[in-house]
Amino acid sequence: VQLQASGGGLVQPGGSLRLSCAASGSIVSINNMGWYRQAPGKQRELVARIFSGGRTNYADSVKGRFTISRDSAKNTVYLQMSSLKPEDTAVYYCNAEIRSVYTGYYWGQGTQVTVSS
């Protein structure tokens, strides 16, 4: 099982980006998918998570600005980020609870998001 994240880049404050993360391999089912981020010198933190029934939760710092969504047919999770701030700068990682030969949480490789003028 692999998670492939994409969509990061450099954006000005107030701008938008959309991250994507596709799961592939011998997947039986995916329970929930999410995004975490890690800024230099800080611990990795949850940004948003979406569950199989559609329920979502967000970090307080991104509520109202970020939207997580999921295409179950494509085993893909998205993170639409708007009104970006310099403090959103971090490496963003996708994460998914996947039922496979080995059931557990899998991580993508990370994608850099830099918010700067």
PDB file of N, CA and C in Angstrom:
ATOM      1  N   VAL A   1       0.851  -1.193   0.000  1.00  0.00           N
ATOM      2  CA  VAL A   1       0.000   0.000   0.000  1.00  0.00           C
ATOM      3  C   VAL A   1       0.884   1.238   0.000  1.00  0.00           C
ATOM      4  N   GLN A   2       0.531   2.200  -0.844  1.00  0.00           N
ATOM      5  CA  GLN A   2       1.278   3.463  -0.909  1.00  0.00           C
ATOM      6  C   GLN A   2       0.308   4.628  -0.908  1.00  0.00           C
ATOM      7  N   LEU A   3       0.752   5.727  -0.312  1.00  0.00           N
ATOM      8  CA  LEU A   3       0.028   6.985  -0.374  1.00  0.00           C
ATOM      9  C   LEU A   3       0.905   7.991  -1.094  1.00  0.00           C
ATOM     10  N   GLN A   4       0.376   8.587  -2.136  1.00  0.00           N
ATOM     11  CA  GLN A   4       1.129   9.541  -2.943  1.00  0.00           C
ATOM     12  C   GLN A   4       0.477  10.902  -2.837  1.00  0.00           C
ATOM     13  N   ALA A   5       1.189  11.830  -2.208  1.00  0.00           N
ATOM     14  CA  ALA A   5       0.664  13.186  -2.033  1.00  0.00           C
ATOM     15  C   ALA A   5       1.217  14.109  -3.107  1.00  0.00           C
ATOM     16  N   SER A   6       0.431  15.112  -3.472  1.00  0.00           N
ATOM     17  CA  SER A   6       0.858  16.095  -4.456  1.00  0.00           C
ATOM     18  C   SER A   6       0.099  17.401  -4.228  1.00  0.00           C
ATOM     19  N   GLY A   7       0.575  18.459  -4.882  1.00  0.00           N
ATOM     20  CA  GLY A   7      -0.148  19.724  -4.865  1.00  0.00           C
ATOM     21  C   GLY A   7       0.481  20.830  -4.052  1.00  0.00           C
ATOM     22  N   GLY A   8       1.560  20.551  -3.362  1.00  0.00           N
ATOM     23  CA  GLY A   8       2.202  21.598  -2.585  1.00  0.00           C
ATOM     24  C   GLY A   8       2.899  22.611  -3.479  1.00  0.00           C
ATOM     25  N   GLY A   9       3.384  23.664  -2.840  1.00  0.00           N
ATOM     26  CA  GLY A   9       4.101  24.684  -3.596  1.00  0.00           C
ATOM     27  C   GLY A   9       4.218  25.969  -2.818  1.00  0.00           C
ATOM     28  N   LEU A  10       4.622  27.007  -3.534  1.00  0.00           N
ATOM     29  CA  LEU A  10       4.785  28.340  -2.957  1.00  0.00           C
ATOM     30  C   LEU A  10       3.577  29.189  -3.320  1.00  0.00           C
ATOM     31  N   VAL A  11       3.002  29.834  -2.326  1.00  0.00           N
ATOM     32  CA  VAL A  11       1.823  30.666  -2.562  1.00  0.00           C
ATOM     33  C   VAL A  11       1.921  31.912  -1.677  1.00  0.00           C
ATOM     34  N   GLN A  12       1.337  32.995  -2.152  1.00  0.00           N
ATOM     35  CA  GLN A  12       1.348  34.232  -1.381  1.00  0.00           C
ATOM     36  C   GLN A  12       0.291  34.175  -0.280  1.00  0.00           C
ATOM     37  N   PRO A  13       0.496  34.936   0.785  1.00  0.00           N
ATOM     38  CA  PRO A  13      -0.541  35.000   1.831  1.00  0.00           C
ATOM     39  C   PRO A  13      -1.889  35.396   1.229  1.00  0.00           C
ATOM     40  N   GLY A  14      -2.922  34.717   1.691  1.00  0.00           N
ATOM     41  CA  GLY A  14      -4.254  34.941   1.154  1.00  0.00           C
ATOM     42  C   GLY A  14      -4.599  34.054  -0.028  1.00  0.00           C
ATOM     43  N   GLY A  15      -3.625  33.353  -0.530  1.00  0.00           N
ATOM     44  CA  GLY A  15      -3.834  32.491  -1.687  1.00  0.00           C
ATOM     45  C   GLY A  15      -4.412  31.135  -1.322  1.00  0.00           C
ATOM     46  N   SER A  16      -4.513  30.290  -2.356  1.00  0.00           N
ATOM     47  CA  SER A  16      -5.126  28.964  -2.185  1.00  0.00           C
ATOM     48  C   SER A  16      -4.257  27.886  -2.820  1.00  0.00           C
ATOM     49  N   LEU A  17      -4.393  26.698  -2.287  1.00  0.00           N
ATOM     50  CA  LEU A  17      -3.768  25.506  -2.842  1.00  0.00           C
ATOM     51  C   LEU A  17      -4.679  24.325  -2.584  1.00  0.00           C
ATOM     52  N   ARG A  18      -4.577  23.319  -3.430  1.00  0.00           N
ATOM     53  CA  ARG A  18      -5.294  22.079  -3.176  1.00  0.00           C
ATOM     54  C   ARG A  18      -4.307  20.918  -3.166  1.00  0.00           C
ATOM     55  N   LEU A  19      -4.303  20.183  -2.094  1.00  0.00           N
ATOM     56  CA  LEU A  19      -3.475  18.995  -1.974  1.00  0.00           C
ATOM     57  C   LEU A  19      -4.314  17.758  -2.296  1.00  0.00           C
ATOM     58  N   SER A  20      -3.647  16.784  -2.887  1.00  0.00           N
ATOM     59  CA  SER A  20      -4.288  15.510  -3.184  1.00  0.00           C
ATOM     60  C   SER A  20      -3.425  14.383  -2.632  1.00  0.00           C
ATOM     61  N   CYS A  21      -4.082  13.295  -2.276  1.00  0.00           N
ATOM     62  CA  CYS A  21      -3.350  12.118  -1.803  1.00  0.00           C
ATOM     63  C   CYS A  21      -4.120  10.883  -2.246  1.00  0.00           C
ATOM     64  N   ALA A  22      -3.447  10.064  -3.055  1.00  0.00           N
ATOM     65  CA  ALA A  22      -4.078   8.869  -3.585  1.00  0.00           C
ATOM     66  C   ALA A  22      -3.452   7.627  -2.968  1.00  0.00           C
ATOM     67  N   ALA A  23      -4.299   6.729  -2.526  1.00  0.00           N
ATOM     68  CA  ALA A  23      -3.844   5.453  -1.984  1.00  0.00           C
ATOM     69  C   ALA A  23      -3.910   4.401  -3.074  1.00  0.00           C
ATOM     70  N   SER A  24      -2.903   3.542  -3.112  1.00  0.00           N
ATOM     71  CA  SER A  24      -2.867   2.493  -4.120  1.00  0.00           C
ATOM     72  C   SER A  24      -2.288   1.213  -3.513  1.00  0.00           C
ATOM     73  N   GLY A  25      -2.515   0.106  -4.196  1.00  0.00           N
ATOM     74  CA  GLY A  25      -2.014  -1.171  -3.717  1.00  0.00           C
ATOM     75  C   GLY A  25      -3.165  -2.123  -3.414  1.00  0.00           C
ATOM     76  N   SER A  26      -2.866  -3.116  -2.609  1.00  0.00           N
ATOM     77  CA  SER A  26      -3.854  -4.142  -2.273  1.00  0.00           C
ATOM     78  C   SER A  26      -4.732  -3.652  -1.120  1.00  0.00           C
ATOM     79  N   ILE A  27      -5.684  -2.823  -1.454  1.00  0.00           N
ATOM     80  CA  ILE A  27      -6.543  -2.188  -0.465  1.00  0.00           C
ATOM     81  C   ILE A  27      -7.893  -2.890  -0.404  1.00  0.00           C
ATOM     82  N   VAL A  28      -8.277  -3.294   0.780  1.00  0.00           N
ATOM     83  CA  VAL A  28      -9.601  -3.867   0.971  1.00  0.00           C
ATOM     84  C   VAL A  28     -10.614  -2.750   1.239  1.00  0.00           C
ATOM     85  N   SER A  29     -10.261  -1.883   2.155  1.00  0.00           N
ATOM     86  CA  SER A  29     -11.119  -0.746   2.457  1.00  0.00           C
ATOM     87  C   SER A  29     -10.300   0.320   3.190  1.00  0.00           C
ATOM     88  N   ILE A  30     -10.818   1.539   3.169  1.00  0.00           N
ATOM     89  CA  ILE A  30     -10.181   2.656   3.867  1.00  0.00           C
ATOM     90  C   ILE A  30     -11.192   3.231   4.852  1.00  0.00           C
ATOM     91  N   ASN A  31     -10.814   3.270   6.108  1.00  0.00           N
ATOM     92  CA  ASN A  31     -11.732   3.759   7.131  1.00  0.00           C
ATOM     93  C   ASN A  31     -11.742   5.278   7.210  1.00  0.00           C
ATOM     94  N   ASN A  32     -10.608   5.873   7.376  1.00  0.00           N
ATOM     95  CA  ASN A  32     -10.566   7.323   7.436  1.00  0.00           C
ATOM     96  C   ASN A  32      -9.259   7.813   6.835  1.00  0.00           C
ATOM     97  N   MET A  33      -9.275   9.044   6.392  1.00  0.00           N
ATOM     98  CA  MET A  33      -8.108   9.659   5.753  1.00  0.00           C
ATOM     99  C   MET A  33      -7.928  11.061   6.307  1.00  0.00           C
ATOM    100  N   GLY A  34      -6.710  11.503   6.342  1.00  0.00           N
ATOM    101  CA  GLY A  34      -6.489  12.821   6.916  1.00  0.00           C
ATOM    102  C   GLY A  34      -5.193  13.454   6.467  1.00  0.00           C
ATOM    103  N   TRP A  35      -5.015  14.681   6.931  1.00  0.00           N
ATOM    104  CA  TRP A  35      -3.820  15.450   6.654  1.00  0.00           C
ATOM    105  C   TRP A  35      -3.218  15.937   7.967  1.00  0.00           C
ATOM    106  N   TYR A  36      -1.912  15.817   8.044  1.00  0.00           N
ATOM    107  CA  TYR A  36      -1.145  16.356   9.152  1.00  0.00           C
ATOM    108  C   TYR A  36      -0.115  17.318   8.572  1.00  0.00           C
ATOM    109  N   ARG A  37       0.483  18.109   9.422  1.00  0.00           N
ATOM    110  CA  ARG A  37       1.554  18.985   8.967  1.00  0.00           C
ATOM    111  C   ARG A  37       2.615  19.121  10.047  1.00  0.00           C
ATOM    112  N   GLN A  38       3.813  19.412   9.565  1.00  0.00           N
ATOM    113  CA  GLN A  38       4.930  19.597  10.487  1.00  0.00           C
ATOM    114  C   GLN A  38       5.768  20.778  10.020  1.00  0.00           C
ATOM    115  N   ALA A  39       5.813  21.800  10.850  1.00  0.00           N
ATOM    116  CA  ALA A  39       6.637  22.972  10.571  1.00  0.00           C
ATOM    117  C   ALA A  39       8.010  22.763  11.206  1.00  0.00           C
ATOM    118  N   PRO A  40       9.020  23.452  10.702  1.00  0.00           N
ATOM    119  CA  PRO A  40      10.367  23.303  11.260  1.00  0.00           C
ATOM    120  C   PRO A  40      10.395  23.558  12.762  1.00  0.00           C
ATOM    121  N   GLY A  41      10.969  22.624  13.497  1.00  0.00           N
ATOM    122  CA  GLY A  41      11.098  22.771  14.936  1.00  0.00           C
ATOM    123  C   GLY A  41       9.847  22.485  15.722  1.00  0.00           C
ATOM    124  N   LYS A  42       8.807  22.028  15.038  1.00  0.00           N
ATOM    125  CA  LYS A  42       7.547  21.754  15.735  1.00  0.00           C
ATOM    126  C   LYS A  42       7.143  20.294  15.544  1.00  0.00           C
ATOM    127  N   GLN A  43       6.239  19.856  16.388  1.00  0.00           N
ATOM    128  CA  GLN A  43       5.726  18.492  16.265  1.00  0.00           C
ATOM    129  C   GLN A  43       4.694  18.409  15.151  1.00  0.00           C
ATOM    130  N   ARG A  44       4.551  17.229  14.617  1.00  0.00           N
ATOM    131  CA  ARG A  44       3.523  16.989  13.610  1.00  0.00           C
ATOM    132  C   ARG A  44       2.161  17.147  14.265  1.00  0.00           C
ATOM    133  N   GLU A  45       1.238  17.821  13.564  1.00  0.00           N
ATOM    134  CA  GLU A  45      -0.080  18.066  14.121  1.00  0.00           C
ATOM    135  C   GLU A  45      -1.160  17.708  13.116  1.00  0.00           C
ATOM    136  N   LEU A  46      -2.310  17.340  13.649  1.00  0.00           N
ATOM    137  CA  LEU A  46      -3.460  17.052  12.803  1.00  0.00           C
ATOM    138  C   LEU A  46      -3.994  18.343  12.203  1.00  0.00           C
ATOM    139  N   VAL A  47      -4.264  18.297  10.905  1.00  0.00           N
ATOM    140  CA  VAL A  47      -4.896  19.431  10.230  1.00  0.00           C
ATOM    141  C   VAL A  47      -6.379  19.149  10.039  1.00  0.00           C
ATOM    142  N   ALA A  48      -6.685  18.002   9.448  1.00  0.00           N
ATOM    143  CA  ALA A  48      -8.081  17.653   9.186  1.00  0.00           C
ATOM    144  C   ALA A  48      -8.176  16.153   8.949  1.00  0.00           C
ATOM    145  N   ARG A  49      -9.351  15.618   9.205  1.00  0.00           N
ATOM    146  CA  ARG A  49      -9.585  14.196   9.015  1.00  0.00           C
ATOM    147  C   ARG A  49     -11.015  13.999   8.535  1.00  0.00           C
ATOM    148  N   ILE A  50     -11.196  13.016   7.668  1.00  0.00           N
ATOM    149  CA  ILE A  50     -12.520  12.679   7.180  1.00  0.00           C
ATOM    150  C   ILE A  50     -12.736  11.184   7.368  1.00  0.00           C
ATOM    151  N   PHE A  51     -13.924  10.843   7.882  1.00  0.00           N
ATOM    152  CA  PHE A  51     -14.235   9.465   8.212  1.00  0.00           C
ATOM    153  C   PHE A  51     -15.128   8.871   7.125  1.00  0.00           C
ATOM    154  N   SER A  52     -15.262   7.561   7.157  1.00  0.00           N
ATOM    155  CA  SER A  52     -15.956   6.858   6.087  1.00  0.00           C
ATOM    156  C   SER A  52     -17.400   7.317   5.943  1.00  0.00           C
ATOM    157  N   GLY A  53     -18.025   7.779   6.998  1.00  0.00           N
ATOM    158  CA  GLY A  53     -19.398   8.259   6.912  1.00  0.00           C
ATOM    159  C   GLY A  53     -19.517   9.709   6.499  1.00  0.00           C
ATOM    160  N   GLY A  54     -18.376  10.364   6.276  1.00  0.00           N
ATOM    161  CA  GLY A  54     -18.373  11.747   5.841  1.00  0.00           C
ATOM    162  C   GLY A  54     -18.109  12.765   6.942  1.00  0.00           C
ATOM    163  N   ARG A  55     -18.102  12.299   8.179  1.00  0.00           N
ATOM    164  CA  ARG A  55     -17.821  13.222   9.281  1.00  0.00           C
ATOM    165  C   ARG A  55     -16.391  13.742   9.166  1.00  0.00           C
ATOM    166  N   THR A  56     -16.231  15.006   9.519  1.00  0.00           N
ATOM    167  CA  THR A  56     -14.912  15.631   9.438  1.00  0.00           C
ATOM    168  C   THR A  56     -14.563  16.290  10.766  1.00  0.00           C
ATOM    169  N   ASN A  57     -13.267  16.439  10.992  1.00  0.00           N
ATOM    170  CA  ASN A  57     -12.839  17.313  12.070  1.00  0.00           C
ATOM    171  C   ASN A  57     -11.600  18.079  11.619  1.00  0.00           C
ATOM    172  N   TYR A  58     -11.443  19.250  12.212  1.00  0.00           N
ATOM    173  CA  TYR A  58     -10.392  20.176  11.796  1.00  0.00           C
ATOM    174  C   TYR A  58      -9.671  20.723  13.028  1.00  0.00           C
ATOM    175  N   ALA A  59      -8.420  21.063  12.825  1.00  0.00           N
ATOM    176  CA  ALA A  59      -7.713  21.827  13.834  1.00  0.00           C
ATOM    177  C   ALA A  59      -8.351  23.215  13.915  1.00  0.00           C
ATOM    178  N   ASP A  60      -8.388  23.769  15.099  1.00  0.00           N
ATOM    179  CA  ASP A  60      -9.002  25.093  15.270  1.00  0.00           C
ATOM    180  C   ASP A  60      -8.342  26.139  14.382  1.00  0.00           C
ATOM    181  N   SER A  61      -7.060  25.989  14.155  1.00  0.00           N
ATOM    182  CA  SER A  61      -6.307  26.991  13.399  1.00  0.00           C
ATOM    183  C   SER A  61      -6.680  27.042  11.925  1.00  0.00           C
ATOM    184  N   VAL A  62      -7.361  26.010  11.416  1.00  0.00           N
ATOM    185  CA  VAL A  62      -7.694  25.988   9.991  1.00  0.00           C
ATOM    186  C   VAL A  62      -9.198  25.996   9.732  1.00  0.00           C
ATOM    187  N   LYS A  63      -9.996  25.942  10.771  1.00  0.00           N
ATOM    188  CA  LYS A  63     -11.455  25.927  10.591  1.00  0.00           C
ATOM    189  C   LYS A  63     -11.905  27.163   9.818  1.00  0.00           C
ATOM    190  N   GLY A  64     -12.769  26.926   8.840  1.00  0.00           N
ATOM    191  CA  GLY A  64     -13.274  28.018   8.025  1.00  0.00           C
ATOM    192  C   GLY A  64     -12.383  28.377   6.851  1.00  0.00           C
ATOM    193  N   ARG A  65     -11.174  27.846   6.827  1.00  0.00           N
ATOM    194  CA  ARG A  65     -10.249  28.150   5.734  1.00  0.00           C
ATOM    195  C   ARG A  65      -9.898  26.903   4.905  1.00  0.00           C
ATOM    196  N   PHE A  66      -9.837  25.759   5.544  1.00  0.00           N
ATOM    197  CA  PHE A  66      -9.486  24.512   4.873  1.00  0.00           C
ATOM    198  C   PHE A  66     -10.711  23.607   4.791  1.00  0.00           C
ATOM    199  N   THR A  67     -10.777  22.856   3.706  1.00  0.00           N
ATOM    200  CA  THR A  67     -11.855  21.880   3.539  1.00  0.00           C
ATOM    201  C   THR A  67     -11.272  20.552   3.095  1.00  0.00           C
ATOM    202  N   ILE A  68     -11.589  19.501   3.835  1.00  0.00           N
ATOM    203  CA  ILE A  68     -11.144  18.152   3.461  1.00  0.00           C
ATOM    204  C   ILE A  68     -12.296  17.446   2.764  1.00  0.00           C
ATOM    205  N   SER A  69     -11.967  16.702   1.731  1.00  0.00           N
ATOM    206  CA  SER A  69     -12.970  15.922   1.019  1.00  0.00           C
ATOM    207  C   SER A  69     -12.340  14.625   0.543  1.00  0.00           C
ATOM    208  N   ARG A  70     -13.188  13.751   0.041  1.00  0.00           N
ATOM    209  CA  ARG A  70     -12.708  12.409  -0.272  1.00  0.00           C
ATOM    210  C   ARG A  70     -13.478  11.861  -1.467  1.00  0.00           C
ATOM    211  N   ASP A  71     -12.754  11.212  -2.354  1.00  0.00           N
ATOM    212  CA  ASP A  71     -13.354  10.469  -3.453  1.00  0.00           C
ATOM    213  C   ASP A  71     -13.080   8.996  -3.183  1.00  0.00           C
ATOM    214  N   SER A  72     -14.060   8.314  -2.640  1.00  0.00           N
ATOM    215  CA  SER A  72     -13.850   6.926  -2.229  1.00  0.00           C
ATOM    216  C   SER A  72     -13.583   6.013  -3.421  1.00  0.00           C
ATOM    217  N   ALA A  73     -14.175   6.325  -4.557  1.00  0.00           N
ATOM    218  CA  ALA A  73     -13.971   5.495  -5.747  1.00  0.00           C
ATOM    219  C   ALA A  73     -12.524   5.547  -6.217  1.00  0.00           C
ATOM    220  N   LYS A  74     -11.864   6.663  -5.941  1.00  0.00           N
ATOM    221  CA  LYS A  74     -10.472   6.834  -6.349  1.00  0.00           C
ATOM    222  C   LYS A  74      -9.496   6.659  -5.192  1.00  0.00           C
ATOM    223  N   ASN A  75     -10.012   6.330  -4.020  1.00  0.00           N
ATOM    224  CA  ASN A  75      -9.155   6.197  -2.822  1.00  0.00           C
ATOM    225  C   ASN A  75      -8.290   7.439  -2.628  1.00  0.00           C
ATOM    226  N   THR A  76      -8.901   8.581  -2.823  1.00  0.00           N
ATOM    227  CA  THR A  76      -8.159   9.842  -2.802  1.00  0.00           C
ATOM    228  C   THR A  76      -8.787  10.809  -1.804  1.00  0.00           C
ATOM    229  N   VAL A  77      -7.926  11.517  -1.096  1.00  0.00           N
ATOM    230  CA  VAL A  77      -8.368  12.562  -0.183  1.00  0.00           C
ATOM    231  C   VAL A  77      -7.774  13.887  -0.656  1.00  0.00           C
ATOM    232  N   TYR A  78      -8.543  14.948  -0.481  1.00  0.00           N
ATOM    233  CA  TYR A  78      -8.130  16.276  -0.911  1.00  0.00           C
ATOM    234  C   TYR A  78      -8.146  17.229   0.289  1.00  0.00           C
ATOM    235  N   LEU A  79      -7.310  18.243   0.185  1.00  0.00           N
ATOM    236  CA  LEU A  79      -7.342  19.313   1.175  1.00  0.00           C
ATOM    237  C   LEU A  79      -7.329  20.632   0.410  1.00  0.00           C
ATOM    238  N   GLN A  80      -8.459  21.304   0.388  1.00  0.00           N
ATOM    239  CA  GLN A  80      -8.551  22.629  -0.224  1.00  0.00           C
ATOM    240  C   GLN A  80      -8.199  23.659   0.832  1.00  0.00           C
ATOM    241  N   MET A  81      -7.135  24.400   0.569  1.00  0.00           N
ATOM    242  CA  MET A  81      -6.649  25.388   1.526  1.00  0.00           C
ATOM    243  C   MET A  81      -6.840  26.788   0.941  1.00  0.00           C
ATOM    244  N   SER A  82      -7.525  27.627   1.680  1.00  0.00           N
ATOM    245  CA  SER A  82      -7.778  28.995   1.244  1.00  0.00           C
ATOM    246  C   SER A  82      -7.342  29.964   2.337  1.00  0.00           C
ATOM    247  N   SER A  83      -7.252  31.217   1.961  1.00  0.00           N
ATOM    248  CA  SER A  83      -6.834  32.268   2.909  1.00  0.00           C
ATOM    249  C   SER A  83      -5.574  31.840   3.660  1.00  0.00           C
ATOM    250  N   LEU A  84      -4.616  31.361   2.911  1.00  0.00           N
ATOM    251  CA  LEU A  84      -3.404  30.828   3.523  1.00  0.00           C
ATOM    252  C   LEU A  84      -2.610  31.918   4.234  1.00  0.00           C
ATOM    253  N   LYS A  85      -1.999  31.502   5.333  1.00  0.00           N
ATOM    254  CA  LYS A  85      -1.205  32.399   6.163  1.00  0.00           C
ATOM    255  C   LYS A  85       0.234  31.887   6.235  1.00  0.00           C
ATOM    256  N   PRO A  86       1.188  32.756   6.522  1.00  0.00           N
ATOM    257  CA  PRO A  86       2.573  32.281   6.656  1.00  0.00           C
ATOM    258  C   PRO A  86       2.715  31.146   7.682  1.00  0.00           C
ATOM    259  N   GLU A  87       1.902  31.171   8.705  1.00  0.00           N
ATOM    260  CA  GLU A  87       1.982  30.115   9.722  1.00  0.00           C
ATOM    261  C   GLU A  87       1.453  28.761   9.247  1.00  0.00           C
ATOM    262  N   ASP A  88       0.884  28.725   8.050  1.00  0.00           N
ATOM    263  CA  ASP A  88       0.479  27.448   7.458  1.00  0.00           C
ATOM    264  C   ASP A  88       1.662  26.750   6.772  1.00  0.00           C
ATOM    265  N   THR A  89       2.779  27.431   6.683  1.00  0.00           N
ATOM    266  CA  THR A  89       3.963  26.852   6.050  1.00  0.00           C
ATOM    267  C   THR A  89       4.416  25.614   6.812  1.00  0.00           C
ATOM    268  N   ALA A  90       4.527  24.501   6.102  1.00  0.00           N
ATOM    269  CA  ALA A  90       4.895  23.230   6.722  1.00  0.00           C
ATOM    270  C   ALA A  90       4.998  22.165   5.640  1.00  0.00           C
ATOM    271  N   VAL A  91       5.496  21.011   6.023  1.00  0.00           N
ATOM    272  CA  VAL A  91       5.367  19.827   5.177  1.00  0.00           C
ATOM    273  C   VAL A  91       4.054  19.149   5.559  1.00  0.00           C
ATOM    274  N   TYR A  92       3.233  18.913   4.566  1.00  0.00           N
ATOM    275  CA  TYR A  92       1.929  18.304   4.784  1.00  0.00           C
ATOM    276  C   TYR A  92       1.993  16.821   4.431  1.00  0.00           C
ATOM    277  N   TYR A  93       1.488  16.006   5.336  1.00  0.00           N
ATOM    278  CA  TYR A  93       1.491  14.555   5.158  1.00  0.00           C
ATOM    279  C   TYR A  93       0.062  14.028   5.149  1.00  0.00           C
ATOM    280  N   CYS A  94      -0.203  13.127   4.232  1.00  0.00           N
ATOM    281  CA  CYS A  94      -1.488  12.454   4.285  1.00  0.00           C
ATOM    282  C   CYS A  94      -1.339  11.162   5.074  1.00  0.00           C
ATOM    283  N   ASN A  95      -2.445  10.726   5.611  1.00  0.00           N
ATOM    284  CA  ASN A  95      -2.480   9.565   6.492  1.00  0.00           C
ATOM    285  C   ASN A  95      -3.802   8.858   6.280  1.00  0.00           C
ATOM    286  N   ALA A  96      -3.780   7.543   6.303  1.00  0.00           N
ATOM    287  CA  ALA A  96      -5.021   6.815   6.097  1.00  0.00           C
ATOM    288  C   ALA A  96      -5.018   5.516   6.902  1.00  0.00           C
ATOM    289  N   GLU A  97      -6.164   5.190   7.433  1.00  0.00           N
ATOM    290  CA  GLU A  97      -6.344   3.902   8.104  1.00  0.00           C
ATOM    291  C   GLU A  97      -6.870   2.926   7.056  1.00  0.00           C
ATOM    292  N   ILE A  98      -6.027   1.994   6.659  1.00  0.00           N
ATOM    293  CA  ILE A  98      -6.315   1.141   5.517  1.00  0.00           C
ATOM    294  C   ILE A  98      -6.367  -0.319   5.949  1.00  0.00           C
ATOM    295  N   ARG A  99      -7.376  -0.986   5.454  1.00  0.00           N
ATOM    296  CA  ARG A  99      -7.470  -2.422   5.666  1.00  0.00           C
ATOM    297  C   ARG A  99      -6.848  -3.107   4.450  1.00  0.00           C
ATOM    298  N   SER A 100      -5.770  -3.830   4.703  1.00  0.00           N
ATOM    299  CA  SER A 100      -5.035  -4.487   3.619  1.00  0.00           C
ATOM    300  C   SER A 100      -4.502  -5.807   4.175  1.00  0.00           C
ATOM    301  N   VAL A 101      -3.441  -6.302   3.575  1.00  0.00           N
ATOM    302  CA  VAL A 101      -2.796  -7.478   4.163  1.00  0.00           C
ATOM    303  C   VAL A 101      -2.379  -7.143   5.594  1.00  0.00           C
ATOM    304  N   TYR A 102      -1.827  -5.960   5.750  1.00  0.00           N
ATOM    305  CA  TYR A 102      -1.517  -5.421   7.079  1.00  0.00           C
ATOM    306  C   TYR A 102      -2.420  -4.225   7.313  1.00  0.00           C
ATOM    307  N   THR A 103      -3.319  -4.314   8.219  1.00  0.00           N
ATOM    308  CA  THR A 103      -4.258  -3.234   8.504  1.00  0.00           C
ATOM    309  C   THR A 103      -3.633  -2.273   9.503  1.00  0.00           C
ATOM    310  N   GLY A 104      -3.701  -1.001   9.159  1.00  0.00           N
ATOM    311  CA  GLY A 104      -3.149  -0.006  10.063  1.00  0.00           C
ATOM    312  C   GLY A 104      -3.117   1.353   9.408  1.00  0.00           C
ATOM    313  N   TYR A 105      -2.349   2.261  10.011  1.00  0.00           N
ATOM    314  CA  TYR A 105      -2.231   3.619   9.502  1.00  0.00           C
ATOM    315  C   TYR A 105      -1.008   3.731   8.594  1.00  0.00           C
ATOM    316  N   TYR A 106      -1.232   4.307   7.425  1.00  0.00           N
ATOM    317  CA  TYR A 106      -0.170   4.500   6.453  1.00  0.00           C
ATOM    318  C   TYR A 106       0.045   5.989   6.241  1.00  0.00           C
ATOM    319  N   TRP A 107       1.304   6.345   5.911  1.00  0.00           N
ATOM    320  CA  TRP A 107       1.672   7.743   5.687  1.00  0.00           C
ATOM    321  C   TRP A 107       2.157   7.952   4.262  1.00  0.00           C
ATOM    322  N   GLY A 108       1.816   9.119   3.711  1.00  0.00           N
ATOM    323  CA  GLY A 108       2.388   9.551   2.454  1.00  0.00           C
ATOM    324  C   GLY A 108       3.739  10.184   2.684  1.00  0.00           C
ATOM    325  N   GLN A 109       4.386  10.604   1.603  1.00  0.00           N
ATOM    326  CA  GLN A 109       5.765  11.073   1.670  1.00  0.00           C
ATOM    327  C   GLN A 109       5.899  12.529   2.072  1.00  0.00           C
ATOM    328  N   GLY A 110       4.825  13.285   2.106  1.00  0.00           N
ATOM    329  CA  GLY A 110       4.896  14.690   2.473  1.00  0.00           C
ATOM    330  C   GLY A 110       5.041  15.593   1.266  1.00  0.00           C
ATOM    331  N   THR A 111       4.395  16.742   1.342  1.00  0.00           N
ATOM    332  CA  THR A 111       4.514  17.744   0.296  1.00  0.00           C
ATOM    333  C   THR A 111       4.655  19.116   0.963  1.00  0.00           C
ATOM    334  N   GLN A 112       5.603  19.892   0.460  1.00  0.00           N
ATOM    335  CA  GLN A 112       5.931  21.183   1.087  1.00  0.00           C
ATOM    336  C   GLN A 112       4.940  22.256   0.664  1.00  0.00           C
ATOM    337  N   VAL A 113       4.415  22.968   1.633  1.00  0.00           N
ATOM    338  CA  VAL A 113       3.587  24.144   1.391  1.00  0.00           C
ATOM    339  C   VAL A 113       4.298  25.335   2.023  1.00  0.00           C
ATOM    340  N   THR A 114       4.574  26.342   1.215  1.00  0.00           N
ATOM    341  CA  THR A 114       5.240  27.544   1.698  1.00  0.00           C
ATOM    342  C   THR A 114       4.371  28.744   1.386  1.00  0.00           C
ATOM    343  N   VAL A 115       4.028  29.493   2.417  1.00  0.00           N
ATOM    344  CA  VAL A 115       3.200  30.687   2.252  1.00  0.00           C
ATOM    345  C   VAL A 115       4.084  31.891   2.560  1.00  0.00           C
ATOM    346  N   SER A 116       4.383  32.641   1.517  1.00  0.00           N
ATOM    347  CA  SER A 116       5.317  33.751   1.667  1.00  0.00           C
ATOM    348  C   SER A 116       5.117  34.750   0.543  1.00  0.00           C
ATOM    349  N   SER A 117       5.361  36.022   0.864  1.00  0.00           N
ATOM    350  CA  SER A 117       5.298  37.044  -0.166  1.00  0.00           C
ATOM    351  C   SER A 117       6.680  37.289  -0.749  1.00  0.00           C
TER     352      SER A 117
END
